[in-house]
Amino acid sequence: MAHNPSQNDASERLLPLSEVQAALGGFHRTTIYGWIKKGRFPAPIKIGGSSRWTPDDIEAFKAKRMNERRQWT
């Protein structure tokens, strides 16, 4: 069966921590894992010993933070 590319292909890609850090402006891994522990950041998808996130999870996190920021201004 042939693969039929769709609009969702990019969102199906899983991002390693280094790309998540870059997408968030360089936060340290300790900060990100602290947020996860407190329930403030999406938990990773574990693959073997690696943690991965979906682009949709990262974008949703950023959007939520921006909305929270707007409420304070």
PDB file of N, CA and C in Angstrom:
ATOM      1  N   MET A   1       0.850  -1.179   0.000  1.00  0.00           N
ATOM      2  CA  MET A   1       0.000   0.000   0.000  1.00  0.00           C
ATOM      3  C   MET A   1       0.896   1.243   0.000  1.00  0.00           C
ATOM      4  N   ALA A   2       0.645   2.149  -0.897  1.00  0.00           N
ATOM      5  CA  ALA A   2       1.441   3.370  -1.022  1.00  0.00           C
ATOM      6  C   ALA A   2       1.027   4.377   0.038  1.00  0.00           C
ATOM      7  N   HIS A   3       1.997   5.151   0.502  1.00  0.00           N
ATOM      8  CA  HIS A   3       1.726   6.209   1.476  1.00  0.00           C
ATOM      9  C   HIS A   3       1.144   7.404   0.749  1.00  0.00           C
ATOM     10  N   ASN A   4       0.057   7.915   1.252  1.00  0.00           N
ATOM     11  CA  ASN A   4      -0.587   9.086   0.673  1.00  0.00           C
ATOM     12  C   ASN A   4      -0.338  10.269   1.592  1.00  0.00           C
ATOM     13  N   PRO A   5       0.580  11.179   1.214  1.00  0.00           N
ATOM     14  CA  PRO A   5       0.869  12.331   2.083  1.00  0.00           C
ATOM     15  C   PRO A   5      -0.372  13.156   2.343  1.00  0.00           C
ATOM     16  N   SER A   6      -0.464  13.670   3.547  1.00  0.00           N
ATOM     17  CA  SER A   6      -1.598  14.521   3.899  1.00  0.00           C
ATOM     18  C   SER A   6      -1.095  15.755   4.613  1.00  0.00           C
ATOM     19  N   GLN A   7      -2.009  16.651   4.915  1.00  0.00           N
ATOM     20  CA  GLN A   7      -1.652  17.864   5.637  1.00  0.00           C
ATOM     21  C   GLN A   7      -1.165  17.532   7.035  1.00  0.00           C
ATOM     22  N   ASN A   8      -1.551  16.394   7.586  1.00  0.00           N
ATOM     23  CA  ASN A   8      -1.208  16.035   8.953  1.00  0.00           C
ATOM     24  C   ASN A   8       0.171  15.414   9.088  1.00  0.00           C
ATOM     25  N   ASP A   9       0.876  15.160   7.981  1.00  0.00           N
ATOM     26  CA  ASP A   9       2.184  14.518   8.075  1.00  0.00           C
ATOM     27  C   ASP A   9       3.143  15.293   8.973  1.00  0.00           C
ATOM     28  N   ALA A  10       3.170  16.606   8.873  1.00  0.00           N
ATOM     29  CA  ALA A  10       4.093  17.404   9.678  1.00  0.00           C
ATOM     30  C   ALA A  10       3.758  17.294  11.159  1.00  0.00           C
ATOM     31  N   SER A  11       2.464  17.245  11.492  1.00  0.00           N
ATOM     32  CA  SER A  11       2.088  17.169  12.892  1.00  0.00           C
ATOM     33  C   SER A  11       2.281  15.768  13.455  1.00  0.00           C
ATOM     34  N   GLU A  12       2.477  14.772  12.602  1.00  0.00           N
ATOM     35  CA  GLU A  12       2.727  13.412  13.068  1.00  0.00           C
ATOM     36  C   GLU A  12       4.198  13.209  13.422  1.00  0.00           C
ATOM     37  N   ARG A  13       5.043  14.125  13.016  1.00  0.00           N
ATOM     38  CA  ARG A  13       6.462  14.043  13.329  1.00  0.00           C
ATOM     39  C   ARG A  13       6.645  14.261  14.823  1.00  0.00           C
ATOM     40  N   LEU A  14       7.564  13.534  15.411  1.00  0.00           N
ATOM     41  CA  LEU A  14       7.831  13.682  16.836  1.00  0.00           C
ATOM     42  C   LEU A  14       9.138  14.434  17.034  1.00  0.00           C
ATOM     43  N   LEU A  15       9.097  15.433  17.903  1.00  0.00           N
ATOM     44  CA  LEU A  15      10.239  16.312  18.114  1.00  0.00           C
ATOM     45  C   LEU A  15      11.078  15.871  19.307  1.00  0.00           C
ATOM     46  N   PRO A  16      12.397  15.825  19.146  1.00  0.00           N
ATOM     47  CA  PRO A  16      13.270  15.553  20.286  1.00  0.00           C
ATOM     48  C   PRO A  16      13.365  16.786  21.179  1.00  0.00           C
ATOM     49  N   LEU A  17      13.891  16.603  22.371  1.00  0.00           N
ATOM     50  CA  LEU A  17      14.007  17.700  23.335  1.00  0.00           C
ATOM     51  C   LEU A  17      14.744  18.901  22.757  1.00  0.00           C
ATOM     52  N   SER A  18      15.796  18.668  21.982  1.00  0.00           N
ATOM     53  CA  SER A  18      16.563  19.795  21.440  1.00  0.00           C
ATOM     54  C   SER A  18      15.696  20.693  20.556  1.00  0.00           C
ATOM     55  N   GLU A  19      14.804  20.098  19.780  1.00  0.00           N
ATOM     56  CA  GLU A  19      13.916  20.903  18.927  1.00  0.00           C
ATOM     57  C   GLU A  19      12.832  21.581  19.752  1.00  0.00           C
ATOM     58  N   VAL A  20      12.369  20.918  20.803  1.00  0.00           N
ATOM     59  CA  VAL A  20      11.384  21.535  21.698  1.00  0.00           C
ATOM     60  C   VAL A  20      12.022  22.752  22.376  1.00  0.00           C
ATOM     61  N   GLN A  21      13.254  22.591  22.844  1.00  0.00           N
ATOM     62  CA  GLN A  21      13.959  23.713  23.472  1.00  0.00           C
ATOM     63  C   GLN A  21      14.088  24.875  22.496  1.00  0.00           C
ATOM     64  N   ALA A  22      14.454  24.597  21.273  1.00  0.00           N
ATOM     65  CA  ALA A  22      14.598  25.653  20.265  1.00  0.00           C
ATOM     66  C   ALA A  22      13.255  26.332  19.991  1.00  0.00           C
ATOM     67  N   ALA A  23      12.199  25.556  19.914  1.00  0.00           N
ATOM     68  CA  ALA A  23      10.865  26.106  19.641  1.00  0.00           C
ATOM     69  C   ALA A  23      10.377  26.993  20.780  1.00  0.00           C
ATOM     70  N   LEU A  24      10.891  26.742  21.980  1.00  0.00           N
ATOM     71  CA  LEU A  24      10.467  27.518  23.153  1.00  0.00           C
ATOM     72  C   LEU A  24      11.442  28.634  23.500  1.00  0.00           C
ATOM     73  N   GLY A  25      12.435  28.834  22.695  1.00  0.00           N
ATOM     74  CA  GLY A  25      13.364  29.925  22.936  1.00  0.00           C
ATOM     75  C   GLY A  25      14.565  29.549  23.775  1.00  0.00           C
ATOM     76  N   GLY A  26      14.847  28.258  23.897  1.00  0.00           N
ATOM     77  CA  GLY A  26      16.072  27.844  24.556  1.00  0.00           C
ATOM     78  C   GLY A  26      15.962  27.500  26.026  1.00  0.00           C
ATOM     79  N   PHE A  27      14.757  27.252  26.535  1.00  0.00           N
ATOM     80  CA  PHE A  27      14.642  26.859  27.935  1.00  0.00           C
ATOM     81  C   PHE A  27      15.470  25.609  28.199  1.00  0.00           C
ATOM     82  N   HIS A  28      16.057  25.530  29.376  1.00  0.00           N
ATOM     83  CA  HIS A  28      16.890  24.399  29.756  1.00  0.00           C
ATOM     84  C   HIS A  28      16.020  23.162  29.985  1.00  0.00           C
ATOM     85  N   ARG A  29      16.581  22.006  29.755  1.00  0.00           N
ATOM     86  CA  ARG A  29      15.840  20.747  29.921  1.00  0.00           C
ATOM     87  C   ARG A  29      15.287  20.599  31.338  1.00  0.00           C
ATOM     88  N   THR A  30      16.018  21.080  32.340  1.00  0.00           N
ATOM     89  CA  THR A  30      15.553  20.988  33.721  1.00  0.00           C
ATOM     90  C   THR A  30      14.266  21.783  33.906  1.00  0.00           C
ATOM     91  N   THR A  31      14.183  22.942  33.273  1.00  0.00           N
ATOM     92  CA  THR A  31      12.975  23.769  33.348  1.00  0.00           C
ATOM     93  C   THR A  31      11.803  23.040  32.712  1.00  0.00           C
ATOM     94  N   ILE A  32      12.016  22.488  31.532  1.00  0.00           N
ATOM     95  CA  ILE A  32      10.942  21.788  30.816  1.00  0.00           C
ATOM     96  C   ILE A  32      10.453  20.582  31.614  1.00  0.00           C
ATOM     97  N   TYR A  33      11.379  19.785  32.136  1.00  0.00           N
ATOM     98  CA  TYR A  33      10.963  18.616  32.922  1.00  0.00           C
ATOM     99  C   TYR A  33      10.319  19.025  34.242  1.00  0.00           C
ATOM    100  N   GLY A  34      10.707  20.162  34.791  1.00  0.00           N
ATOM    101  CA  GLY A  34      10.028  20.692  35.977  1.00  0.00           C
ATOM    102  C   GLY A  34       8.587  21.055  35.669  1.00  0.00           C
ATOM    103  N   TRP A  35       8.376  21.688  34.509  1.00  0.00           N
ATOM    104  CA  TRP A  35       7.008  22.011  34.079  1.00  0.00           C
ATOM    105  C   TRP A  35       6.182  20.747  33.910  1.00  0.00           C
ATOM    106  N   ILE A  36       6.786  19.699  33.344  1.00  0.00           N
ATOM    107  CA  ILE A  36       6.073  18.431  33.151  1.00  0.00           C
ATOM    108  C   ILE A  36       5.649  17.874  34.510  1.00  0.00           C
ATOM    109  N   LYS A  37       6.574  17.878  35.450  1.00  0.00           N
ATOM    110  CA  LYS A  37       6.296  17.349  36.783  1.00  0.00           C
ATOM    111  C   LYS A  37       5.143  18.098  37.449  1.00  0.00           C
ATOM    112  N   LYS A  38       5.068  19.414  37.209  1.00  0.00           N
ATOM    113  CA  LYS A  38       4.002  20.241  37.789  1.00  0.00           C
ATOM    114  C   LYS A  38       2.718  20.222  36.962  1.00  0.00           C
ATOM    115  N   GLY A  39       2.719  19.508  35.827  1.00  0.00           N
ATOM    116  CA  GLY A  39       1.530  19.446  34.982  1.00  0.00           C
ATOM    117  C   GLY A  39       1.330  20.677  34.116  1.00  0.00           C
ATOM    118  N   ARG A  40       2.371  21.485  33.936  1.00  0.00           N
ATOM    119  CA  ARG A  40       2.267  22.718  33.155  1.00  0.00           C
ATOM    120  C   ARG A  40       2.732  22.557  31.711  1.00  0.00           C
ATOM    121  N   PHE A  41       3.282  21.402  31.377  1.00  0.00           N
ATOM    122  CA  PHE A  41       3.809  21.151  30.038  1.00  0.00           C
ATOM    123  C   PHE A  41       3.417  19.733  29.639  1.00  0.00           C
ATOM    124  N   PRO A  42       3.126  19.505  28.357  1.00  0.00           N
ATOM    125  CA  PRO A  42       2.708  18.168  27.939  1.00  0.00           C
ATOM    126  C   PRO A  42       3.777  17.107  28.221  1.00  0.00           C
ATOM    127  N   ALA A  43       3.326  15.983  28.731  1.00  0.00           N
ATOM    128  CA  ALA A  43       4.232  14.868  28.971  1.00  0.00           C
ATOM    129  C   ALA A  43       4.733  14.336  27.636  1.00  0.00           C
ATOM    130  N   PRO A  44       5.961  13.860  27.616  1.00  0.00           N
ATOM    131  CA  PRO A  44       6.506  13.343  26.356  1.00  0.00           C
ATOM    132  C   PRO A  44       5.953  11.971  26.013  1.00  0.00           C
ATOM    133  N   ILE A  45       6.095  11.638  24.751  1.00  0.00           N
ATOM    134  CA  ILE A  45       5.861  10.283  24.281  1.00  0.00           C
ATOM    135  C   ILE A  45       7.208   9.586  24.406  1.00  0.00           C
ATOM    136  N   LYS A  46       7.248   8.502  25.143  1.00  0.00           N
ATOM    137  CA  LYS A  46       8.509   7.788  25.355  1.00  0.00           C
ATOM    138  C   LYS A  46       8.694   6.746  24.263  1.00  0.00           C
ATOM    139  N   ILE A  47       9.845   6.783  23.621  1.00  0.00           N
ATOM    140  CA  ILE A  47      10.220   5.799  22.622  1.00  0.00           C
ATOM    141  C   ILE A  47      11.586   5.278  23.039  1.00  0.00           C
ATOM    142  N   GLY A  48      11.605   4.057  23.545  1.00  0.00           N
ATOM    143  CA  GLY A  48      12.847   3.540  24.112  1.00  0.00           C
ATOM    144  C   GLY A  48      13.221   4.421  25.286  1.00  0.00           C
ATOM    145  N   GLY A  49      14.417   4.940  25.290  1.00  0.00           N
ATOM    146  CA  GLY A  49      14.856   5.846  26.342  1.00  0.00           C
ATOM    147  C   GLY A  49      14.726   7.301  25.961  1.00  0.00           C
ATOM    148  N   SER A  50      14.091   7.569  24.846  1.00  0.00           N
ATOM    149  CA  SER A  50      13.991   8.943  24.341  1.00  0.00           C
ATOM    150  C   SER A  50      12.617   9.540  24.608  1.00  0.00           C
ATOM    151  N   SER A  51      12.589  10.840  24.807  1.00  0.00           N
ATOM    152  CA  SER A  51      11.342  11.594  24.952  1.00  0.00           C
ATOM    153  C   SER A  51      11.091  12.369  23.679  1.00  0.00           C
ATOM    154  N   ARG A  52       9.852  12.347  23.219  1.00  0.00           N
ATOM    155  CA  ARG A  52       9.458  13.068  22.003  1.00  0.00           C
ATOM    156  C   ARG A  52       8.117  13.747  22.242  1.00  0.00           C
ATOM    157  N   TRP A  53       7.898  14.845  21.521  1.00  0.00           N
ATOM    158  CA  TRP A  53       6.651  15.597  21.604  1.00  0.00           C
ATOM    159  C   TRP A  53       6.107  15.828  20.204  1.00  0.00           C
ATOM    160  N   THR A  54       4.801  15.985  20.101  1.00  0.00           N
ATOM    161  CA  THR A  54       4.216  16.325  18.807  1.00  0.00           C
ATOM    162  C   THR A  54       4.300  17.839  18.617  1.00  0.00           C
ATOM    163  N   PRO A  55       4.444  18.277  17.381  1.00  0.00           N
ATOM    164  CA  PRO A  55       4.409  19.724  17.129  1.00  0.00           C
ATOM    165  C   PRO A  55       3.106  20.357  17.624  1.00  0.00           C
ATOM    166  N   ASP A  56       1.992  19.623  17.509  1.00  0.00           N
ATOM    167  CA  ASP A  56       0.710  20.154  17.977  1.00  0.00           C
ATOM    168  C   ASP A  56       0.728  20.423  19.480  1.00  0.00           C
ATOM    169  N   ASP A  57       1.355  19.522  20.265  1.00  0.00           N
ATOM    170  CA  ASP A  57       1.454  19.744  21.714  1.00  0.00           C
ATOM    171  C   ASP A  57       2.257  20.998  22.029  1.00  0.00           C
ATOM    172  N   ILE A  58       3.335  21.198  21.295  1.00  0.00           N
ATOM    173  CA  ILE A  58       4.190  22.368  21.540  1.00  0.00           C
ATOM    174  C   ILE A  58       3.459  23.650  21.153  1.00  0.00           C
ATOM    175  N   GLU A  59       2.789  23.636  20.017  1.00  0.00           N
ATOM    176  CA  GLU A  59       2.042  24.821  19.580  1.00  0.00           C
ATOM    177  C   GLU A  59       0.901  25.134  20.544  1.00  0.00           C
ATOM    178  N   ALA A  60       0.220  24.110  21.051  1.00  0.00           N
ATOM    179  CA  ALA A  60      -0.867  24.324  22.012  1.00  0.00           C
ATOM    180  C   ALA A  60      -0.324  24.925  23.309  1.00  0.00           C
ATOM    181  N   PHE A  61       0.834  24.450  23.760  1.00  0.00           N
ATOM    182  CA  PHE A  61       1.460  24.998  24.953  1.00  0.00           C
ATOM    183  C   PHE A  61       1.784  26.478  24.751  1.00  0.00           C
ATOM    184  N   LYS A  62       2.386  26.794  23.610  1.00  0.00           N
ATOM    185  CA  LYS A  62       2.751  28.184  23.331  1.00  0.00           C
ATOM    186  C   LYS A  62       1.509  29.068  23.252  1.00  0.00           C
ATOM    187  N   ALA A  63       0.462  28.584  22.617  1.00  0.00           N
ATOM    188  CA  ALA A  63      -0.774  29.361  22.499  1.00  0.00           C
ATOM    189  C   ALA A  63      -1.388  29.609  23.871  1.00  0.00           C
ATOM    190  N   LYS A  64      -1.375  28.589  24.724  1.00  0.00           N
ATOM    191  CA  LYS A  64      -1.917  28.743  26.077  1.00  0.00           C
ATOM    192  C   LYS A  64      -1.126  29.785  26.855  1.00  0.00           C
ATOM    193  N   ARG A  65       0.192  29.732  26.760  1.00  0.00           N
ATOM    194  CA  ARG A  65       1.035  30.706  27.459  1.00  0.00           C
ATOM    195  C   ARG A  65       0.781  32.124  26.953  1.00  0.00           C
ATOM    196  N   MET A  66       0.607  32.274  25.636  1.00  0.00           N
ATOM    197  CA  MET A  66       0.329  33.597  25.072  1.00  0.00           C
ATOM    198  C   MET A  66      -1.014  34.119  25.570  1.00  0.00           C
ATOM    199  N   ASN A  67      -2.014  33.248  25.643  1.00  0.00           N
ATOM    200  CA  ASN A  67      -3.330  33.663  26.157  1.00  0.00           C
ATOM    201  C   ASN A  67      -3.240  34.069  27.616  1.00  0.00           C
ATOM    202  N   GLU A  68      -2.460  33.318  28.399  1.00  0.00           N
ATOM    203  CA  GLU A  68      -2.275  33.686  29.805  1.00  0.00           C
ATOM    204  C   GLU A  68      -1.603  35.043  29.922  1.00  0.00           C
ATOM    205  N   ARG A  69      -0.632  35.281  29.071  1.00  0.00           N
ATOM    206  CA  ARG A  69       0.090  36.558  29.091  1.00  0.00           C
ATOM    207  C   ARG A  69      -0.850  37.714  28.746  1.00  0.00           C
ATOM    208  N   ARG A  70      -1.695  37.509  27.756  1.00  0.00           N
ATOM    209  CA  ARG A  70      -2.639  38.566  27.349  1.00  0.00           C
ATOM    210  C   ARG A  70      -3.608  38.925  28.461  1.00  0.00           C
ATOM    211  N   GLN A  71      -3.938  37.966  29.299  1.00  0.00           N
ATOM    212  CA  GLN A  71      -4.860  38.231  30.392  1.00  0.00           C
ATOM    213  C   GLN A  71      -4.264  39.171  31.432  1.00  0.00           C
ATOM    214  N   TRP A  72      -2.945  39.231  31.493  1.00  0.00           N
ATOM    215  CA  TRP A  72      -2.270  40.068  32.476  1.00  0.00           C
ATOM    216  C   TRP A  72      -1.961  41.465  31.954  1.00  0.00           C
ATOM    217  N   THR A  73      -2.184  41.676  30.659  1.00  0.00           N
ATOM    218  CA  THR A  73      -1.867  43.008  30.107  1.00  0.00           C
ATOM    219  C   THR A  73      -3.102  43.844  29.942  1.00  0.00           C
TER     220      THR A  73
END
